[in-house]
C-alpha cells in the first residue's frame, strides 16, 4: 500500500454512483451518525481497503459484484 508523506491531507476525486448506491450510502450514513456523505464514503472505503488488505493474498477474490467486469464497473 502506498502511503503519502501527509497522512491527513485530503485530495478531491469524483466518483459516479447510481441512485441506489447513493441511497445505500445515505442510509448507512444516518445509521452510523456521520455528519456528511463524504465522511461516510471515506469510512466505507477505509473499511473495504482494510478488509481487502487484511485477507490472505491467495484467498483474495474479485470484489466486483457477480457478473460485473472491471470494464463495466468503471462505466466505460
N, C-alpha and C. Protein backbone atom coordinates (compact mmCIF):
# COMPACT_ATOMS: atom_id res chain seq x y z
N UNK A 1 0.85 -1.17 0.00
CA UNK A 1 0.00 0.00 0.00
C UNK A 1 0.89 1.23 0.00
N UNK A 2 0.56 2.20 -0.83
CA UNK A 2 1.32 3.43 -0.92
C UNK A 2 0.78 4.43 0.09
N UNK A 3 1.67 4.97 0.90
CA UNK A 3 1.28 5.97 1.88
C UNK A 3 1.90 7.30 1.48
N UNK A 4 1.16 8.37 1.66
CA UNK A 4 1.70 9.69 1.36
C UNK A 4 2.45 10.21 2.57
N UNK A 5 3.28 11.20 2.35
CA UNK A 5 4.01 11.79 3.46
C UNK A 5 3.10 12.64 4.34
N UNK A 6 1.92 12.97 3.83
CA UNK A 6 0.94 13.75 4.58
C UNK A 6 -0.29 12.88 4.80
N UNK A 7 -0.31 12.08 5.87
CA UNK A 7 -1.41 11.13 6.05
C UNK A 7 -2.77 11.77 6.26
N UNK A 8 -2.82 13.02 6.66
CA UNK A 8 -4.11 13.65 6.93
C UNK A 8 -4.54 14.62 5.83
N UNK A 9 -3.78 14.67 4.73
CA UNK A 9 -4.19 15.54 3.64
C UNK A 9 -5.35 14.87 2.90
N UNK A 10 -6.28 15.66 2.44
CA UNK A 10 -7.44 15.14 1.73
C UNK A 10 -7.38 15.63 0.28
N UNK A 11 -7.47 14.71 -0.64
CA UNK A 11 -7.47 15.01 -2.06
C UNK A 11 -8.87 14.85 -2.60
N UNK A 12 -9.20 15.67 -3.57
CA UNK A 12 -10.54 15.63 -4.17
C UNK A 12 -10.55 14.66 -5.35
N UNK A 13 -11.61 13.86 -5.42
CA UNK A 13 -11.81 12.96 -6.55
C UNK A 13 -13.30 12.88 -6.85
N UNK A 14 -13.64 12.44 -8.03
CA UNK A 14 -15.05 12.28 -8.39
C UNK A 14 -15.34 10.80 -8.60
N UNK A 15 -16.51 10.39 -8.15
CA UNK A 15 -16.96 9.01 -8.31
C UNK A 15 -18.39 9.05 -8.83
N UNK A 16 -18.66 8.28 -9.86
CA UNK A 16 -20.01 8.20 -10.40
C UNK A 16 -20.74 7.06 -9.70
N UNK A 17 -21.90 7.36 -9.12
CA UNK A 17 -22.68 6.37 -8.39
C UNK A 17 -24.10 6.34 -8.92
N UNK A 18 -24.73 5.18 -8.81
CA UNK A 18 -26.14 5.07 -9.16
C UNK A 18 -26.97 5.65 -8.01
N UNK A 19 -28.22 5.93 -8.28
CA UNK A 19 -29.10 6.43 -7.21
C UNK A 19 -29.22 5.39 -6.10
N UNK A 20 -29.27 4.12 -6.47
CA UNK A 20 -29.35 3.06 -5.46
C UNK A 20 -28.12 3.07 -4.55
N UNK A 21 -26.93 3.25 -5.13
CA UNK A 21 -25.71 3.31 -4.32
C UNK A 21 -25.73 4.52 -3.38
N UNK A 22 -26.18 5.66 -3.88
CA UNK A 22 -26.28 6.86 -3.05
C UNK A 22 -27.26 6.63 -1.91
N UNK A 23 -28.40 6.03 -2.22
CA UNK A 23 -29.40 5.75 -1.18
C UNK A 23 -28.84 4.84 -0.09
N UNK A 24 -28.09 3.81 -0.50
CA UNK A 24 -27.50 2.89 0.47
C UNK A 24 -26.45 3.59 1.33
N UNK A 25 -25.64 4.43 0.69
CA UNK A 25 -24.64 5.20 1.44
C UNK A 25 -25.32 6.12 2.43
N UNK A 26 -26.36 6.81 1.99
CA UNK A 26 -27.08 7.74 2.88
C UNK A 26 -27.73 7.00 4.05
N UNK A 27 -28.28 5.83 3.79
CA UNK A 27 -28.87 5.03 4.86
C UNK A 27 -27.80 4.63 5.88
N UNK A 28 -26.67 4.13 5.38
CA UNK A 28 -25.56 3.74 6.25
C UNK A 28 -25.05 4.96 7.03
N UNK A 29 -24.96 6.09 6.33
CA UNK A 29 -24.51 7.33 6.97
C UNK A 29 -25.40 7.70 8.15
N UNK A 30 -26.71 7.66 7.96
CA UNK A 30 -27.64 8.03 9.03
C UNK A 30 -27.59 7.02 10.18
N UNK A 31 -27.53 5.74 9.85
CA UNK A 31 -27.47 4.71 10.89
C UNK A 31 -26.20 4.81 11.72
N UNK A 32 -25.13 5.32 11.12
CA UNK A 32 -23.84 5.41 11.81
C UNK A 32 -23.49 6.85 12.21
N UNK A 33 -24.45 7.74 12.04
CA UNK A 33 -24.36 9.13 12.52
C UNK A 33 -23.16 9.91 11.98
N UNK A 34 -22.89 9.74 10.69
CA UNK A 34 -21.86 10.55 10.05
C UNK A 34 -22.46 11.90 9.69
N UNK A 35 -21.68 12.95 9.81
CA UNK A 35 -22.19 14.30 9.57
C UNK A 35 -22.27 14.65 8.09
N UNK A 36 -21.56 13.90 7.24
CA UNK A 36 -21.61 14.20 5.81
C UNK A 36 -21.52 12.91 4.99
N UNK A 37 -22.00 12.98 3.77
CA UNK A 37 -21.91 11.85 2.86
C UNK A 37 -20.44 11.56 2.55
N UNK A 38 -19.64 12.62 2.39
CA UNK A 38 -18.22 12.43 2.08
C UNK A 38 -17.51 11.66 3.20
N UNK A 39 -17.80 11.99 4.44
CA UNK A 39 -17.19 11.29 5.57
C UNK A 39 -17.62 9.82 5.59
N UNK A 40 -18.88 9.57 5.28
CA UNK A 40 -19.37 8.19 5.24
C UNK A 40 -18.69 7.41 4.12
N UNK A 41 -18.54 8.01 2.96
CA UNK A 41 -17.88 7.34 1.84
C UNK A 41 -16.43 7.03 2.19
N UNK A 42 -15.71 8.00 2.80
CA UNK A 42 -14.33 7.75 3.21
C UNK A 42 -14.26 6.59 4.20
N UNK A 43 -15.20 6.54 5.15
CA UNK A 43 -15.22 5.46 6.13
C UNK A 43 -15.47 4.11 5.46
N UNK A 44 -16.41 4.07 4.52
CA UNK A 44 -16.71 2.82 3.82
C UNK A 44 -15.52 2.36 2.98
N UNK A 45 -14.87 3.29 2.30
CA UNK A 45 -13.68 2.94 1.51
C UNK A 45 -12.58 2.42 2.43
N UNK A 46 -12.39 3.09 3.56
CA UNK A 46 -11.38 2.65 4.52
C UNK A 46 -11.65 1.25 5.04
N UNK A 47 -12.91 0.97 5.36
CA UNK A 47 -13.28 -0.37 5.83
C UNK A 47 -13.01 -1.41 4.76
N UNK A 48 -13.42 -1.11 3.54
CA UNK A 48 -13.21 -2.05 2.45
C UNK A 48 -11.73 -2.30 2.18
N UNK A 49 -10.93 -1.24 2.21
CA UNK A 49 -9.50 -1.38 1.97
C UNK A 49 -8.84 -2.19 3.08
N UNK A 50 -9.20 -1.90 4.33
CA UNK A 50 -8.62 -2.66 5.45
C UNK A 50 -9.00 -4.14 5.35
N UNK A 51 -10.26 -4.41 5.05
CA UNK A 51 -10.70 -5.80 4.90
C UNK A 51 -9.95 -6.49 3.76
N UNK A 52 -9.84 -5.80 2.64
CA UNK A 52 -9.18 -6.36 1.46
C UNK A 52 -7.72 -6.69 1.75
N UNK A 53 -7.02 -5.75 2.36
CA UNK A 53 -5.59 -5.94 2.59
C UNK A 53 -5.29 -6.82 3.79
N UNK A 54 -6.28 -7.10 4.62
CA UNK A 54 -6.05 -7.98 5.76
C UNK A 54 -6.28 -9.45 5.39
N UNK A 55 -6.88 -9.72 4.23
CA UNK A 55 -7.09 -11.09 3.77
C UNK A 55 -5.78 -11.66 3.23
N UNK A 56 -5.67 -12.99 3.24
CA UNK A 56 -4.53 -13.64 2.59
C UNK A 56 -4.61 -13.37 1.11
N UNK A 57 -3.45 -13.13 0.49
CA UNK A 57 -3.43 -12.83 -0.94
C UNK A 57 -4.03 -13.97 -1.76
N UNK A 58 -3.80 -15.23 -1.35
CA UNK A 58 -4.33 -16.38 -2.10
C UNK A 58 -5.85 -16.47 -2.02
N UNK A 59 -6.43 -16.01 -0.92
CA UNK A 59 -7.88 -16.13 -0.76
C UNK A 59 -8.62 -14.91 -1.28
N UNK A 60 -7.87 -13.92 -1.74
CA UNK A 60 -8.48 -12.67 -2.20
C UNK A 60 -9.10 -12.90 -3.58
N UNK A 61 -10.41 -12.79 -3.65
CA UNK A 61 -11.11 -12.96 -4.92
C UNK A 61 -11.51 -11.61 -5.48
N UNK A 62 -12.29 -11.64 -6.51
CA UNK A 62 -12.79 -10.41 -7.11
C UNK A 62 -13.74 -9.73 -6.14
N UNK A 63 -13.62 -8.40 -6.05
CA UNK A 63 -14.52 -7.65 -5.18
C UNK A 63 -15.67 -7.05 -5.97
N UNK A 64 -15.75 -7.38 -7.26
CA UNK A 64 -16.83 -6.86 -8.09
C UNK A 64 -18.08 -7.71 -7.90
N UNK A 65 -19.25 -7.09 -8.03
CA UNK A 65 -20.49 -7.87 -7.95
C UNK A 65 -20.49 -8.96 -9.02
N UNK A 66 -21.19 -10.04 -8.75
CA UNK A 66 -21.24 -11.16 -9.67
C UNK A 66 -21.68 -10.70 -11.06
N UNK A 67 -20.93 -11.11 -12.07
CA UNK A 67 -21.26 -10.78 -13.44
C UNK A 67 -20.74 -9.43 -13.90
N UNK A 68 -20.13 -8.66 -13.01
CA UNK A 68 -19.62 -7.34 -13.39
C UNK A 68 -18.12 -7.45 -13.64
N UNK A 69 -17.67 -6.82 -14.71
CA UNK A 69 -16.25 -6.83 -15.03
C UNK A 69 -15.64 -5.49 -14.65
N UNK A 70 -14.31 -5.45 -14.64
CA UNK A 70 -13.63 -4.20 -14.34
C UNK A 70 -14.07 -3.12 -15.33
N UNK A 71 -14.24 -3.51 -16.59
CA UNK A 71 -14.66 -2.55 -17.60
C UNK A 71 -16.06 -2.01 -17.31
N UNK A 72 -17.02 -2.88 -16.96
CA UNK A 72 -18.38 -2.40 -16.69
C UNK A 72 -18.44 -1.63 -15.39
N UNK A 73 -17.61 -1.99 -14.41
CA UNK A 73 -17.61 -1.28 -13.13
C UNK A 73 -17.10 0.14 -13.29
N UNK A 74 -16.22 0.36 -14.28
CA UNK A 74 -15.67 1.69 -14.48
C UNK A 74 -16.63 2.60 -15.25
N UNK A 75 -17.67 2.01 -15.83
CA UNK A 75 -18.63 2.80 -16.58
C UNK A 75 -18.22 3.05 -18.02
N UNK A 76 -17.13 2.41 -18.47
CA UNK A 76 -16.65 2.61 -19.84
C UNK A 76 -16.82 1.36 -20.65
